[in-house]
C-alpha cells in the first residue's frame, strides 16, 4: 500500500510539530510524575446515549484518555467480555459513522483525549479520507487499528497525519527489538504495549517479563508508553508506575457496563454503570498518584 514517490506533505510536517490533546495529556502527566489511566469502553453498549454518559463519567473521574471501541463482528484480538459488548452494540445497530457523531457530541462538554479503537474493515468501508476527515472534524485525537501492520499502513498514516490524528500501533512481548523499533517509528501520541500474548481480559497479576519488555521499548522510542491487556486493579497500576507512562484498562470497565446493564438496560441501570465506572477510575487514579506509581519529577 505504498504511495510511490509521495514524500511527506507540508500538512504532515505541521502535524508532527503541533501537539495533540493526547501529547498534551502525556506532557502534563510527565510534569506531575503521574502514571496515566486510559479507559476503554465499547461504543454503543448498550446504546450510544449510554456511551456518552459513560465517557463523561470516566473523564470526570480522572481518566486521562478514552478509547472508544468500534464494534466489529469478528473481534479476534478481544477476550469474551469485549466480544460480548461488541455483539450487544452491533445488535443496537451501532456504526462507525454514529460513533464519530458521538465524539462530536462529547466535545460539547469535554476535552478529554479520545482514541478510536477499531479493526481495519469498518474504516476501509467508510474510506480512509472520509474517515480521517470526519474523525478529525468531530474532535477525535487518535486512531488505533488493531489488525493493521506497519508494512500495510503507508496510505493510512499519510492520510491520518494530514488530518492531525495520532496513529497508535501495538507492540507485543513477541516483538523483536527491530520490530519494536519499526512499530514505534510509525506511531504517534503513544506506543501501546500489549502486556501478554493472547486476547484481552482482566487478570490477577501482571506478567513477570513485562519490565523487560518495557525496557526494550524504551531503547527504541521516546514516545510515551501505555500498557494494556490484563490491567484491572490498583495494584497493577502501582507496579506499572515508574515503568510505563500509562495503564490501559478495558475489560474491567466493559464488565462494569455488562454487570449493570446487560440484563435490563434501563435508565437506572445505565446510571448505576456510570457510577461504577467512575468509582473504578477513581481507585485507579488514586493508585497512580501515590505509592510505587509515583515517579520522580525532574527539577
C-alpha atoms as a PDB file:
ATOM      1  CA  UNK A   1       0.000   0.000   0.000  1.00  0.00           C
ATOM      2  CA  UNK A   2       2.987   2.342  -0.536  1.00  0.00           C
ATOM      3  CA  UNK A   3       2.335   5.708  -2.088  1.00  0.00           C
ATOM      4  CA  UNK A   4       5.010   5.692  -4.788  1.00  0.00           C
ATOM      5  CA  UNK A   5       7.008   8.884  -4.992  1.00  0.00           C
ATOM      6  CA  UNK A   6       4.926  10.645  -2.350  1.00  0.00           C
ATOM      7  CA  UNK A   7       7.143  12.491   0.081  1.00  0.00           C
ATOM      8  CA  UNK A   8       5.931  13.999   3.347  1.00  0.00           C
ATOM      9  CA  UNK A   9       3.378  16.706   2.733  1.00  0.00           C
ATOM     10  CA  UNK A  10       3.504  20.136   4.308  1.00  0.00           C
ATOM     11  CA  UNK A  11       0.471  19.234   6.396  1.00  0.00           C
ATOM     12  CA  UNK A  12       2.243  16.134   7.667  1.00  0.00           C
ATOM     13  CA  UNK A  13       5.210  18.249   8.774  1.00  0.00           C
ATOM     14  CA  UNK A  14       2.849  20.625  10.555  1.00  0.00           C
ATOM     15  CA  UNK A  15       1.199  17.698  12.289  1.00  0.00           C
ATOM     16  CA  UNK A  16       4.491  16.440  13.678  1.00  0.00           C
ATOM     17  CA  UNK A  17       5.173  19.830  15.277  1.00  0.00           C
ATOM     18  CA  UNK A  18       1.673  20.534  16.582  1.00  0.00           C
ATOM     19  CA  UNK A  19       0.760  18.961  19.936  1.00  0.00           C
ATOM     20  CA  UNK A  20      -2.475  16.993  20.069  1.00  0.00           C
ATOM     21  CA  UNK A  21      -4.735  16.532  23.084  1.00  0.00           C
ATOM     22  CA  UNK A  22      -3.008  13.185  23.585  1.00  0.00           C
ATOM     23  CA  UNK A  23       0.512  14.611  23.618  1.00  0.00           C
ATOM     24  CA  UNK A  24      -0.580  17.460  25.893  1.00  0.00           C
ATOM     25  CA  UNK A  25      -2.141  14.962  28.307  1.00  0.00           C
ATOM     26  CA  UNK A  26       1.069  12.941  28.481  1.00  0.00           C
ATOM     27  CA  UNK A  27       3.150  16.098  28.894  1.00  0.00           C
ATOM     28  CA  UNK A  28       1.039  17.018  31.919  1.00  0.00           C
ATOM     29  CA  UNK A  29       1.411  13.539  33.371  1.00  0.00           C
ATOM     30  CA  UNK A  30       5.150  13.651  32.875  1.00  0.00           C
ATOM     31  CA  UNK A  31       5.404  17.030  34.589  1.00  0.00           C
ATOM     32  CA  UNK A  32       3.495  15.722  37.604  1.00  0.00           C
ATOM     33  CA  UNK A  33       5.296  12.367  37.704  1.00  0.00           C
ATOM     34  CA  UNK A  34       1.991  10.560  37.451  1.00  0.00           C
ATOM     35  CA  UNK A  35       1.005   7.380  35.628  1.00  0.00           C
ATOM     36  CA  UNK A  36      -1.872   7.984  33.222  1.00  0.00           C
ATOM     37  CA  UNK A  37      -5.069   5.959  33.124  1.00  0.00           C
ATOM     38  CA  UNK A  38      -6.561   5.192  29.707  1.00  0.00           C
ATOM     39  CA  UNK A  39     -10.107   3.861  29.848  1.00  0.00           C
ATOM     40  CA  UNK A  40     -11.564   1.671  27.084  1.00  0.00           C
ATOM     41  CA  UNK A  41     -15.278   1.090  26.548  1.00  0.00           C
ATOM     42  CA  UNK A  42     -17.195  -0.339  23.607  1.00  0.00           C
ATOM     43  CA  UNK A  43     -19.256   2.328  21.875  1.00  0.00           C
ATOM     44  CA  UNK A  44     -22.955   1.503  21.594  1.00  0.00           C
ATOM     45  CA  UNK A  45     -23.085  -0.911  24.556  1.00  0.00           C
ATOM     46  CA  UNK A  46     -25.902  -0.805  25.477  1.00  0.00           C
ATOM     47  CA  UNK A  47     -26.596   2.378  23.451  1.00  0.00           C
ATOM     48  CA  UNK A  48     -24.790   5.428  22.126  1.00  0.00           C
ATOM     49  CA  UNK A  49     -26.577   7.671  24.619  1.00  0.00           C
ATOM     50  CA  UNK A  50     -25.314   5.417  27.403  1.00  0.00           C
ATOM     51  CA  UNK A  51     -21.794   5.529  25.975  1.00  0.00           C
ATOM     52  CA  UNK A  52     -21.946   9.325  26.028  1.00  0.00           C
ATOM     53  CA  UNK A  53     -22.808   9.214  29.722  1.00  0.00           C
ATOM     54  CA  UNK A  54     -20.058   6.655  30.394  1.00  0.00           C
ATOM     55  CA  UNK A  55     -17.362   8.726  28.660  1.00  0.00           C
ATOM     56  CA  UNK A  56     -18.234  11.808  30.691  1.00  0.00           C
ATOM     57  CA  UNK A  57     -18.278   9.745  33.898  1.00  0.00           C
ATOM     58  CA  UNK A  58     -14.818   8.333  33.118  1.00  0.00           C
ATOM     59  CA  UNK A  59     -13.407  11.737  32.197  1.00  0.00           C
ATOM     60  CA  UNK A  60     -14.859  13.467  35.246  1.00  0.00           C
ATOM     61  CA  UNK A  61     -13.467  10.718  37.483  1.00  0.00           C
ATOM     62  CA  UNK A  62      -9.960  11.378  36.161  1.00  0.00           C
ATOM     63  CA  UNK A  63      -9.380   9.179  33.099  1.00  0.00           C
ATOM     64  CA  UNK A  64      -6.594  10.807  31.084  1.00  0.00           C
ATOM     65  CA  UNK A  65      -7.503   9.322  27.689  1.00  0.00           C
ATOM     66  CA  UNK A  66     -10.599   7.475  26.465  1.00  0.00           C
ATOM     67  CA  UNK A  67     -10.503   4.667  23.916  1.00  0.00           C
ATOM     68  CA  UNK A  68     -13.822   4.204  22.143  1.00  0.00           C
ATOM     69  CA  UNK A  69     -14.091   0.698  20.737  1.00  0.00           C
ATOM     70  CA  UNK A  70     -15.828   0.405  17.372  1.00  0.00           C
ATOM     71  CA  UNK A  71     -17.997  -2.743  17.481  1.00  0.00           C
ATOM     72  CA  UNK A  72     -16.910  -5.371  14.979  1.00  0.00           C
ATOM     73  CA  UNK A  73     -18.415  -8.700  14.022  1.00  0.00           C
ATOM     74  CA  UNK A  74     -15.175 -10.697  14.270  1.00  0.00           C
ATOM     75  CA  UNK A  75     -13.051  -9.169  17.080  1.00  0.00           C
ATOM     76  CA  UNK A  76     -10.271 -11.758  17.130  1.00  0.00           C
ATOM     77  CA  UNK A  77      -7.949  -9.836  19.478  1.00  0.00           C
ATOM     78  CA  UNK A  78     -10.618  -9.320  22.114  1.00  0.00           C
ATOM     79  CA  UNK A  79     -11.490 -11.562  25.005  1.00  0.00           C
ATOM     80  CA  UNK A  80     -15.012 -12.744  25.816  1.00  0.00           C
ATOM     81  CA  UNK A  81     -16.017  -9.655  27.805  1.00  0.00           C
ATOM     82  CA  UNK A  82     -15.341  -7.216  24.963  1.00  0.00           C
ATOM     83  CA  UNK A  83     -16.635  -9.697  22.387  1.00  0.00           C
ATOM     84  CA  UNK A  84     -19.988  -9.751  24.171  1.00  0.00           C
ATOM     85  CA  UNK A  85     -20.019  -5.967  24.369  1.00  0.00           C
ATOM     86  CA  UNK A  86     -19.353  -5.765  20.630  1.00  0.00           C
ATOM     87  CA  UNK A  87     -22.221  -8.160  19.974  1.00  0.00           C
ATOM     88  CA  UNK A  88     -24.590  -6.050  22.077  1.00  0.00           C
ATOM     89  CA  UNK A  89     -23.505  -2.861  20.318  1.00  0.00           C
ATOM     90  CA  UNK A  90     -23.992  -4.425  16.892  1.00  0.00           C
ATOM     91  CA  UNK A  91     -27.465  -5.611  17.910  1.00  0.00           C
ATOM     92  CA  UNK A  92     -28.162  -1.972  18.751  1.00  0.00           C
ATOM     93  CA  UNK A  93     -27.106  -1.189  15.128  1.00  0.00           C
ATOM     94  CA  UNK A  94     -24.078   0.891  16.139  1.00  0.00           C
ATOM     95  CA  UNK A  95     -21.999   2.075  13.172  1.00  0.00           C
ATOM     96  CA  UNK A  96     -18.640   3.792  12.795  1.00  0.00           C
ATOM     97  CA  UNK A  97     -20.340   6.933  11.488  1.00  0.00           C
ATOM     98  CA  UNK A  98     -22.538   7.052  14.581  1.00  0.00           C
ATOM     99  CA  UNK A  99     -19.531   6.694  16.877  1.00  0.00           C
ATOM    100  CA  UNK A 100     -17.832   9.619  15.132  1.00  0.00           C
ATOM    101  CA  UNK A 101     -21.028  11.645  15.644  1.00  0.00           C
ATOM    102  CA  UNK A 102     -20.878  10.651  19.308  1.00  0.00           C
ATOM    103  CA  UNK A 103     -17.366  12.116  19.558  1.00  0.00           C
ATOM    104  CA  UNK A 104     -18.778  15.377  18.231  1.00  0.00           C
ATOM    105  CA  UNK A 105     -21.422  15.356  20.967  1.00  0.00           C
ATOM    106  CA  UNK A 106     -18.852  14.575  23.660  1.00  0.00           C
ATOM    107  CA  UNK A 107     -16.786  17.552  22.515  1.00  0.00           C
ATOM    108  CA  UNK A 108     -19.631  19.875  23.513  1.00  0.00           C
ATOM    109  CA  UNK A 109     -18.856  19.187  27.163  1.00  0.00           C
ATOM    110  CA  UNK A 110     -15.419  17.540  27.450  1.00  0.00           C
ATOM    111  CA  UNK A 111     -11.894  17.957  26.110  1.00  0.00           C
ATOM    112  CA  UNK A 112     -10.738  14.502  27.211  1.00  0.00           C
ATOM    113  CA  UNK A 113      -8.468  12.969  24.539  1.00  0.00           C
ATOM    114  CA  UNK A 114     -10.335  10.337  22.511  1.00  0.00           C
ATOM    115  CA  UNK A 115      -8.821   7.442  20.561  1.00  0.00           C
ATOM    116  CA  UNK A 116     -10.976   5.487  18.134  1.00  0.00           C
ATOM    117  CA  UNK A 117     -10.081   1.810  18.565  1.00  0.00           C
ATOM    118  CA  UNK A 118     -11.122  -0.303  15.597  1.00  0.00           C
ATOM    119  CA  UNK A 119     -10.406  -3.157  13.282  1.00  0.00           C
ATOM    120  CA  UNK A 120      -9.459  -2.023   9.780  1.00  0.00           C
ATOM    121  CA  UNK A 121     -12.500  -3.241   7.866  1.00  0.00           C
ATOM    122  CA  UNK A 122     -15.005  -0.619   9.129  1.00  0.00           C
ATOM    123  CA  UNK A 123     -12.512   2.137   8.327  1.00  0.00           C
ATOM    124  CA  UNK A 124     -11.872   0.811   4.821  1.00  0.00           C
ATOM    125  CA  UNK A 125     -15.594   0.508   4.202  1.00  0.00           C
ATOM    126  CA  UNK A 126     -16.055   4.179   5.073  1.00  0.00           C
ATOM    127  CA  UNK A 127     -12.972   5.173   3.075  1.00  0.00           C
ATOM    128  CA  UNK A 128      -9.712   6.402   4.588  1.00  0.00           C
ATOM    129  CA  UNK A 129     -10.064  10.031   3.554  1.00  0.00           C
ATOM    130  CA  UNK A 130     -13.694  10.306   4.646  1.00  0.00           C
ATOM    131  CA  UNK A 131     -12.925   8.552   7.921  1.00  0.00           C
ATOM    132  CA  UNK A 132      -9.959  10.770   8.760  1.00  0.00           C
ATOM    133  CA  UNK A 133     -11.759  13.962   7.785  1.00  0.00           C
ATOM    134  CA  UNK A 134     -14.869  13.016   9.770  1.00  0.00           C
ATOM    135  CA  UNK A 135     -12.969  11.824  12.843  1.00  0.00           C
ATOM    136  CA  UNK A 136     -10.829  14.953  12.950  1.00  0.00           C
ATOM    137  CA  UNK A 137     -13.696  17.384  12.408  1.00  0.00           C
ATOM    138  CA  UNK A 138     -15.682  15.649  15.164  1.00  0.00           C
ATOM    139  CA  UNK A 139     -12.829  16.172  17.637  1.00  0.00           C
ATOM    140  CA  UNK A 140     -11.140  12.784  17.612  1.00  0.00           C
ATOM    141  CA  UNK A 141      -7.476  12.743  18.568  1.00  0.00           C
ATOM    142  CA  UNK A 142      -6.036   9.409  17.520  1.00  0.00           C
ATOM    143  CA  UNK A 143      -6.788   6.046  15.968  1.00  0.00           C
ATOM    144  CA  UNK A 144      -5.644   2.548  16.852  1.00  0.00           C
ATOM    145  CA  UNK A 145      -6.296  -0.152  14.259  1.00  0.00           C
ATOM    146  CA  UNK A 146      -5.660  -3.436  15.996  1.00  0.00           C
ATOM    147  CA  UNK A 147      -5.160  -5.573  12.869  1.00  0.00           C
ATOM    148  CA  UNK A 148      -3.111  -3.108  10.780  1.00  0.00           C
ATOM    149  CA  UNK A 149       0.632  -3.726  10.485  1.00  0.00           C
ATOM    150  CA  UNK A 150       3.266  -1.025   9.903  1.00  0.00           C
ATOM    151  CA  UNK A 151       4.073  -2.510   6.484  1.00  0.00           C
ATOM    152  CA  UNK A 152       0.477  -2.024   5.325  1.00  0.00           C
ATOM    153  CA  UNK A 153      -0.038   1.396   6.867  1.00  0.00           C
ATOM    154  CA  UNK A 154       1.567   3.913   4.484  1.00  0.00           C
ATOM    155  CA  UNK A 155      -1.646   5.282   2.951  1.00  0.00           C
ATOM    156  CA  UNK A 156      -3.439   5.165   6.276  1.00  0.00           C
ATOM    157  CA  UNK A 157      -0.716   7.063   8.133  1.00  0.00           C
ATOM    158  CA  UNK A 158      -0.268   9.699   5.436  1.00  0.00           C
ATOM    159  CA  UNK A 159      -3.987  10.480   5.389  1.00  0.00           C
ATOM    160  CA  UNK A 160      -4.430  10.481   9.179  1.00  0.00           C
ATOM    161  CA  UNK A 161      -1.363  12.618   9.729  1.00  0.00           C
ATOM    162  CA  UNK A 162      -2.657  15.142   7.195  1.00  0.00           C
ATOM    163  CA  UNK A 163      -5.743  15.464   9.403  1.00  0.00           C
ATOM    164  CA  UNK A 164      -3.669  15.816  12.608  1.00  0.00           C
ATOM    165  CA  UNK A 165      -4.745  12.452  14.025  1.00  0.00           C
ATOM    166  CA  UNK A 166      -2.293  10.378  16.044  1.00  0.00           C
ATOM    167  CA  UNK A 167      -1.600   6.886  14.711  1.00  0.00           C
ATOM    168  CA  UNK A 168      -1.166   4.405  17.547  1.00  0.00           C
ATOM    169  CA  UNK A 169       0.217   0.919  16.947  1.00  0.00           C
ATOM    170  CA  UNK A 170       0.576  -2.184  19.106  1.00  0.00           C
ATOM    171  CA  UNK A 171       3.801  -3.775  20.303  1.00  0.00           C
ATOM    172  CA  UNK A 172       3.810  -7.239  21.870  1.00  0.00           C
ATOM    173  CA  UNK A 173       6.037  -9.433  24.065  1.00  0.00           C
ATOM    174  CA  UNK A 174       6.824 -11.462  20.946  1.00  0.00           C
ATOM    175  CA  UNK A 175       8.082  -8.369  19.058  1.00  0.00           C
ATOM    176  CA  UNK A 176      11.830  -8.370  18.469  1.00  0.00           C
ATOM    177  CA  UNK A 177      13.826  -5.222  19.168  1.00  0.00           C
ATOM    178  CA  UNK A 178      13.888  -4.446  15.441  1.00  0.00           C
ATOM    179  CA  UNK A 179      10.150  -4.974  15.249  1.00  0.00           C
ATOM    180  CA  UNK A 180       9.520  -2.710  18.235  1.00  0.00           C
ATOM    181  CA  UNK A 181      11.622  -0.024  16.548  1.00  0.00           C
ATOM    182  CA  UNK A 182       9.542  -0.295  13.354  1.00  0.00           C
ATOM    183  CA  UNK A 183       6.293  -0.119  15.334  1.00  0.00           C
ATOM    184  CA  UNK A 184       7.490   2.891  17.303  1.00  0.00           C
ATOM    185  CA  UNK A 185       8.635   4.657  14.132  1.00  0.00           C
ATOM    186  CA  UNK A 186       5.107   4.668  12.687  1.00  0.00           C
ATOM    187  CA  UNK A 187       3.396   5.529  15.979  1.00  0.00           C
ATOM    188  CA  UNK A 188       2.484   8.941  17.322  1.00  0.00           C
ATOM    189  CA  UNK A 189       0.743  10.025  20.502  1.00  0.00           C
ATOM    190  CA  UNK A 190       1.913   6.970  22.406  1.00  0.00           C
ATOM    191  CA  UNK A 191       3.116   3.422  21.881  1.00  0.00           C
ATOM    192  CA  UNK A 192       0.678   0.768  23.088  1.00  0.00           C
ATOM    193  CA  UNK A 193       2.402  -2.299  24.525  1.00  0.00           C
ATOM    194  CA  UNK A 194       0.412  -5.498  24.977  1.00  0.00           C
ATOM    195  CA  UNK A 195       1.419  -6.932  28.339  1.00  0.00           C
ATOM    196  CA  UNK A 196       0.854 -10.553  27.348  1.00  0.00           C
ATOM    197  CA  UNK A 197       0.153 -12.728  24.333  1.00  0.00           C
ATOM    198  CA  UNK A 198      -3.412 -13.802  23.646  1.00  0.00           C
ATOM    199  CA  UNK A 199      -6.628 -11.808  23.875  1.00  0.00           C
ATOM    200  CA  UNK A 200      -7.781  -9.012  26.128  1.00  0.00           C
ATOM    201  CA  UNK A 201      -9.193  -9.677  29.575  1.00  0.00           C
ATOM    202  CA  UNK A 202      -8.715  -8.785  33.233  1.00  0.00           C
ATOM    203  CA  UNK A 203      -6.028 -10.806  35.052  1.00  0.00           C
ATOM    204  CA  UNK A 204      -4.943 -11.151  38.672  1.00  0.00           C
ATOM    205  CA  UNK A 205      -1.247 -10.498  38.113  1.00  0.00           C
ATOM    206  CA  UNK A 206       0.984  -8.817  35.558  1.00  0.00           C
ATOM    207  CA  UNK A 207       3.431 -10.961  33.552  1.00  0.00           C
ATOM    208  CA  UNK A 208       6.876 -11.423  35.068  1.00  0.00           C
ATOM    209  CA  UNK A 209       8.566 -10.436  31.789  1.00  0.00           C
ATOM    210  CA  UNK A 210       6.716  -7.112  31.447  1.00  0.00           C
ATOM    211  CA  UNK A 211       9.535  -4.949  32.905  1.00  0.00           C
ATOM    212  CA  UNK A 212      11.958  -6.418  30.356  1.00  0.00           C
ATOM    213  CA  UNK A 213       9.529  -5.631  27.520  1.00  0.00           C
ATOM    214  CA  UNK A 214       9.203  -2.051  28.735  1.00  0.00           C
ATOM    215  CA  UNK A 215      12.981  -1.655  28.934  1.00  0.00           C
ATOM    216  CA  UNK A 216      13.315  -2.924  25.366  1.00  0.00           C
ATOM    217  CA  UNK A 217      10.665  -0.469  24.178  1.00  0.00           C
ATOM    218  CA  UNK A 218      12.329   2.454  25.966  1.00  0.00           C
ATOM    219  CA  UNK A 219      15.505   1.811  23.992  1.00  0.00           C
ATOM    220  CA  UNK A 220      13.758   2.361  20.649  1.00  0.00           C
ATOM    221  CA  UNK A 221      11.365   5.252  21.313  1.00  0.00           C
ATOM    222  CA  UNK A 222      10.893   8.450  23.249  1.00  0.00           C
ATOM    223  CA  UNK A 223       7.124   8.206  22.847  1.00  0.00           C
ATOM    224  CA  UNK A 224       5.031   7.712  25.987  1.00  0.00           C
ATOM    225  CA  UNK A 225       4.364   4.012  26.548  1.00  0.00           C
ATOM    226  CA  UNK A 226       0.967   2.684  27.597  1.00  0.00           C
ATOM    227  CA  UNK A 227       0.485  -0.899  28.753  1.00  0.00           C
ATOM    228  CA  UNK A 228      -2.754  -2.785  28.232  1.00  0.00           C
ATOM    229  CA  UNK A 229      -4.290  -6.282  28.268  1.00  0.00           C
ATOM    230  CA  UNK A 230      -4.955  -7.609  31.756  1.00  0.00           C
ATOM    231  CA  UNK A 231      -4.763  -4.297  33.648  1.00  0.00           C
ATOM    232  CA  UNK A 232      -7.647  -4.033  36.088  1.00  0.00           C
ATOM    233  CA  UNK A 233      -6.523  -3.494  39.704  1.00  0.00           C
ATOM    234  CA  UNK A 234      -4.948  -0.630  41.678  1.00  0.00           C
ATOM    235  CA  UNK A 235      -2.059  -2.972  42.426  1.00  0.00           C
ATOM    236  CA  UNK A 236      -1.362  -3.308  38.710  1.00  0.00           C
ATOM    237  CA  UNK A 237      -1.243   0.468  38.405  1.00  0.00           C
ATOM    238  CA  UNK A 238       1.123   0.727  41.361  1.00  0.00           C
ATOM    239  CA  UNK A 239       3.506  -1.812  39.843  1.00  0.00           C
ATOM    240  CA  UNK A 240       3.472  -0.043  36.469  1.00  0.00           C
ATOM    241  CA  UNK A 241       4.408   3.292  38.000  1.00  0.00           C
ATOM    242  CA  UNK A 242       7.973   4.207  37.124  1.00  0.00           C
ATOM    243  CA  UNK A 243       7.946   1.653  34.281  1.00  0.00           C
ATOM    244  CA  UNK A 244       5.232   2.835  31.904  1.00  0.00           C
ATOM    245  CA  UNK A 245       3.590   6.185  31.217  1.00  0.00           C
ATOM    246  CA  UNK A 246       0.003   4.934  31.267  1.00  0.00           C
ATOM    247  CA  UNK A 247      -2.115   1.885  32.018  1.00  0.00           C
ATOM    248  CA  UNK A 248      -4.941   0.903  29.683  1.00  0.00           C
ATOM    249  CA  UNK A 249      -7.985  -0.520  31.464  1.00  0.00           C
ATOM    250  CA  UNK A 250     -10.536  -2.158  29.202  1.00  0.00           C
ATOM    251  CA  UNK A 251     -12.209  -5.426  30.061  1.00  0.00           C
ATOM    252  CA  UNK A 252     -12.690  -4.436  33.703  1.00  0.00           C
ATOM    253  CA  UNK A 253     -14.608  -1.328  32.628  1.00  0.00           C
ATOM    254  CA  UNK A 254     -16.620  -3.162  29.993  1.00  0.00           C
ATOM    255  CA  UNK A 255     -17.522  -5.743  32.649  1.00  0.00           C
ATOM    256  CA  UNK A 256     -18.927  -2.970  34.853  1.00  0.00           C
ATOM    257  CA  UNK A 257     -21.211  -1.939  31.999  1.00  0.00           C
ATOM    258  CA  UNK A 258     -22.209  -5.539  31.348  1.00  0.00           C
ATOM    259  CA  UNK A 259     -22.930  -6.295  35.001  1.00  0.00           C
ATOM    260  CA  UNK A 260     -25.194  -3.277  35.359  1.00  0.00           C
ATOM    261  CA  UNK A 261     -26.982  -3.165  32.011  1.00  0.00           C
ATOM    262  CA  UNK A 262     -26.838  -6.425  30.049  1.00  0.00           C
ATOM    263  CA  UNK A 263     -29.925  -7.950  31.638  1.00  0.00           C
ATOM    264  CA  UNK A 264     -32.033  -4.788  31.601  1.00  0.00           C
ATOM    265  CA  UNK A 265     -30.576  -1.578  30.129  1.00  0.00           C
ATOM    266  CA  UNK A 266     -32.874   0.885  31.874  1.00  0.00           C
ATOM    267  CA  UNK A 267     -32.046   4.493  32.717  1.00  0.00           C
ATOM    268  CA  UNK A 268     -31.410   3.452  36.303  1.00  0.00           C
ATOM    269  CA  UNK A 269     -29.042   0.629  35.337  1.00  0.00           C
ATOM    270  CA  UNK A 270     -27.148   2.938  32.962  1.00  0.00           C
ATOM    271  CA  UNK A 271     -26.740   5.437  35.799  1.00  0.00           C
ATOM    272  CA  UNK A 272     -25.506   2.602  38.004  1.00  0.00           C
ATOM    273  CA  UNK A 273     -22.973   1.572  35.358  1.00  0.00           C
ATOM    274  CA  UNK A 274     -21.720   5.167  35.043  1.00  0.00           C
ATOM    275  CA  UNK A 275     -21.289   5.363  38.815  1.00  0.00           C
ATOM    276  CA  UNK A 276     -19.408   2.044  38.879  1.00  0.00           C
ATOM    277  CA  UNK A 277     -17.092   3.201  36.083  1.00  0.00           C
ATOM    278  CA  UNK A 278     -16.333   6.429  37.910  1.00  0.00           C
ATOM    279  CA  UNK A 279     -15.611   4.587  41.153  1.00  0.00           C
ATOM    280  CA  UNK A 280     -13.168   2.217  39.472  1.00  0.00           C
ATOM    281  CA  UNK A 281     -11.332   5.037  37.703  1.00  0.00           C
ATOM    282  CA  UNK A 282     -11.026   6.991  40.960  1.00  0.00           C
ATOM    283  CA  UNK A 283      -9.467   3.965  42.651  1.00  0.00           C
ATOM    284  CA  UNK A 284      -7.002   3.524  39.801  1.00  0.00           C
ATOM    285  CA  UNK A 285      -6.139   7.230  39.752  1.00  0.00           C
ATOM    286  CA  UNK A 286      -5.545   7.133  43.492  1.00  0.00           C
ATOM    287  CA  UNK A 287      -3.047   4.309  42.931  1.00  0.00           C
ATOM    288  CA  UNK A 288      -1.466   6.331  40.121  1.00  0.00           C
ATOM    289  CA  UNK A 289      -0.919   9.330  42.382  1.00  0.00           C
ATOM    290  CA  UNK A 290       0.623   7.586  45.368  1.00  0.00           C
ATOM    291  CA  UNK A 291       2.888   4.753  46.427  1.00  0.00           C
ATOM    292  CA  UNK A 292       5.039   2.852  43.984  1.00  0.00           C
ATOM    293  CA  UNK A 293       3.480   4.501  40.965  1.00  0.00           C
ATOM    294  CA  UNK A 294       4.652   7.966  41.989  1.00  0.00           C
ATOM    295  CA  UNK A 295       7.654   8.929  39.884  1.00  0.00           C
ATOM    296  CA  UNK A 296      10.367  11.477  40.475  1.00  0.00           C
ATOM    297  CA  UNK A 297       9.858  14.740  38.616  1.00  0.00           C
ATOM    298  CA  UNK A 298      12.964  16.301  37.141  1.00  0.00           C
ATOM    299  CA  UNK A 299      13.703  19.731  38.673  1.00  0.00           C
END
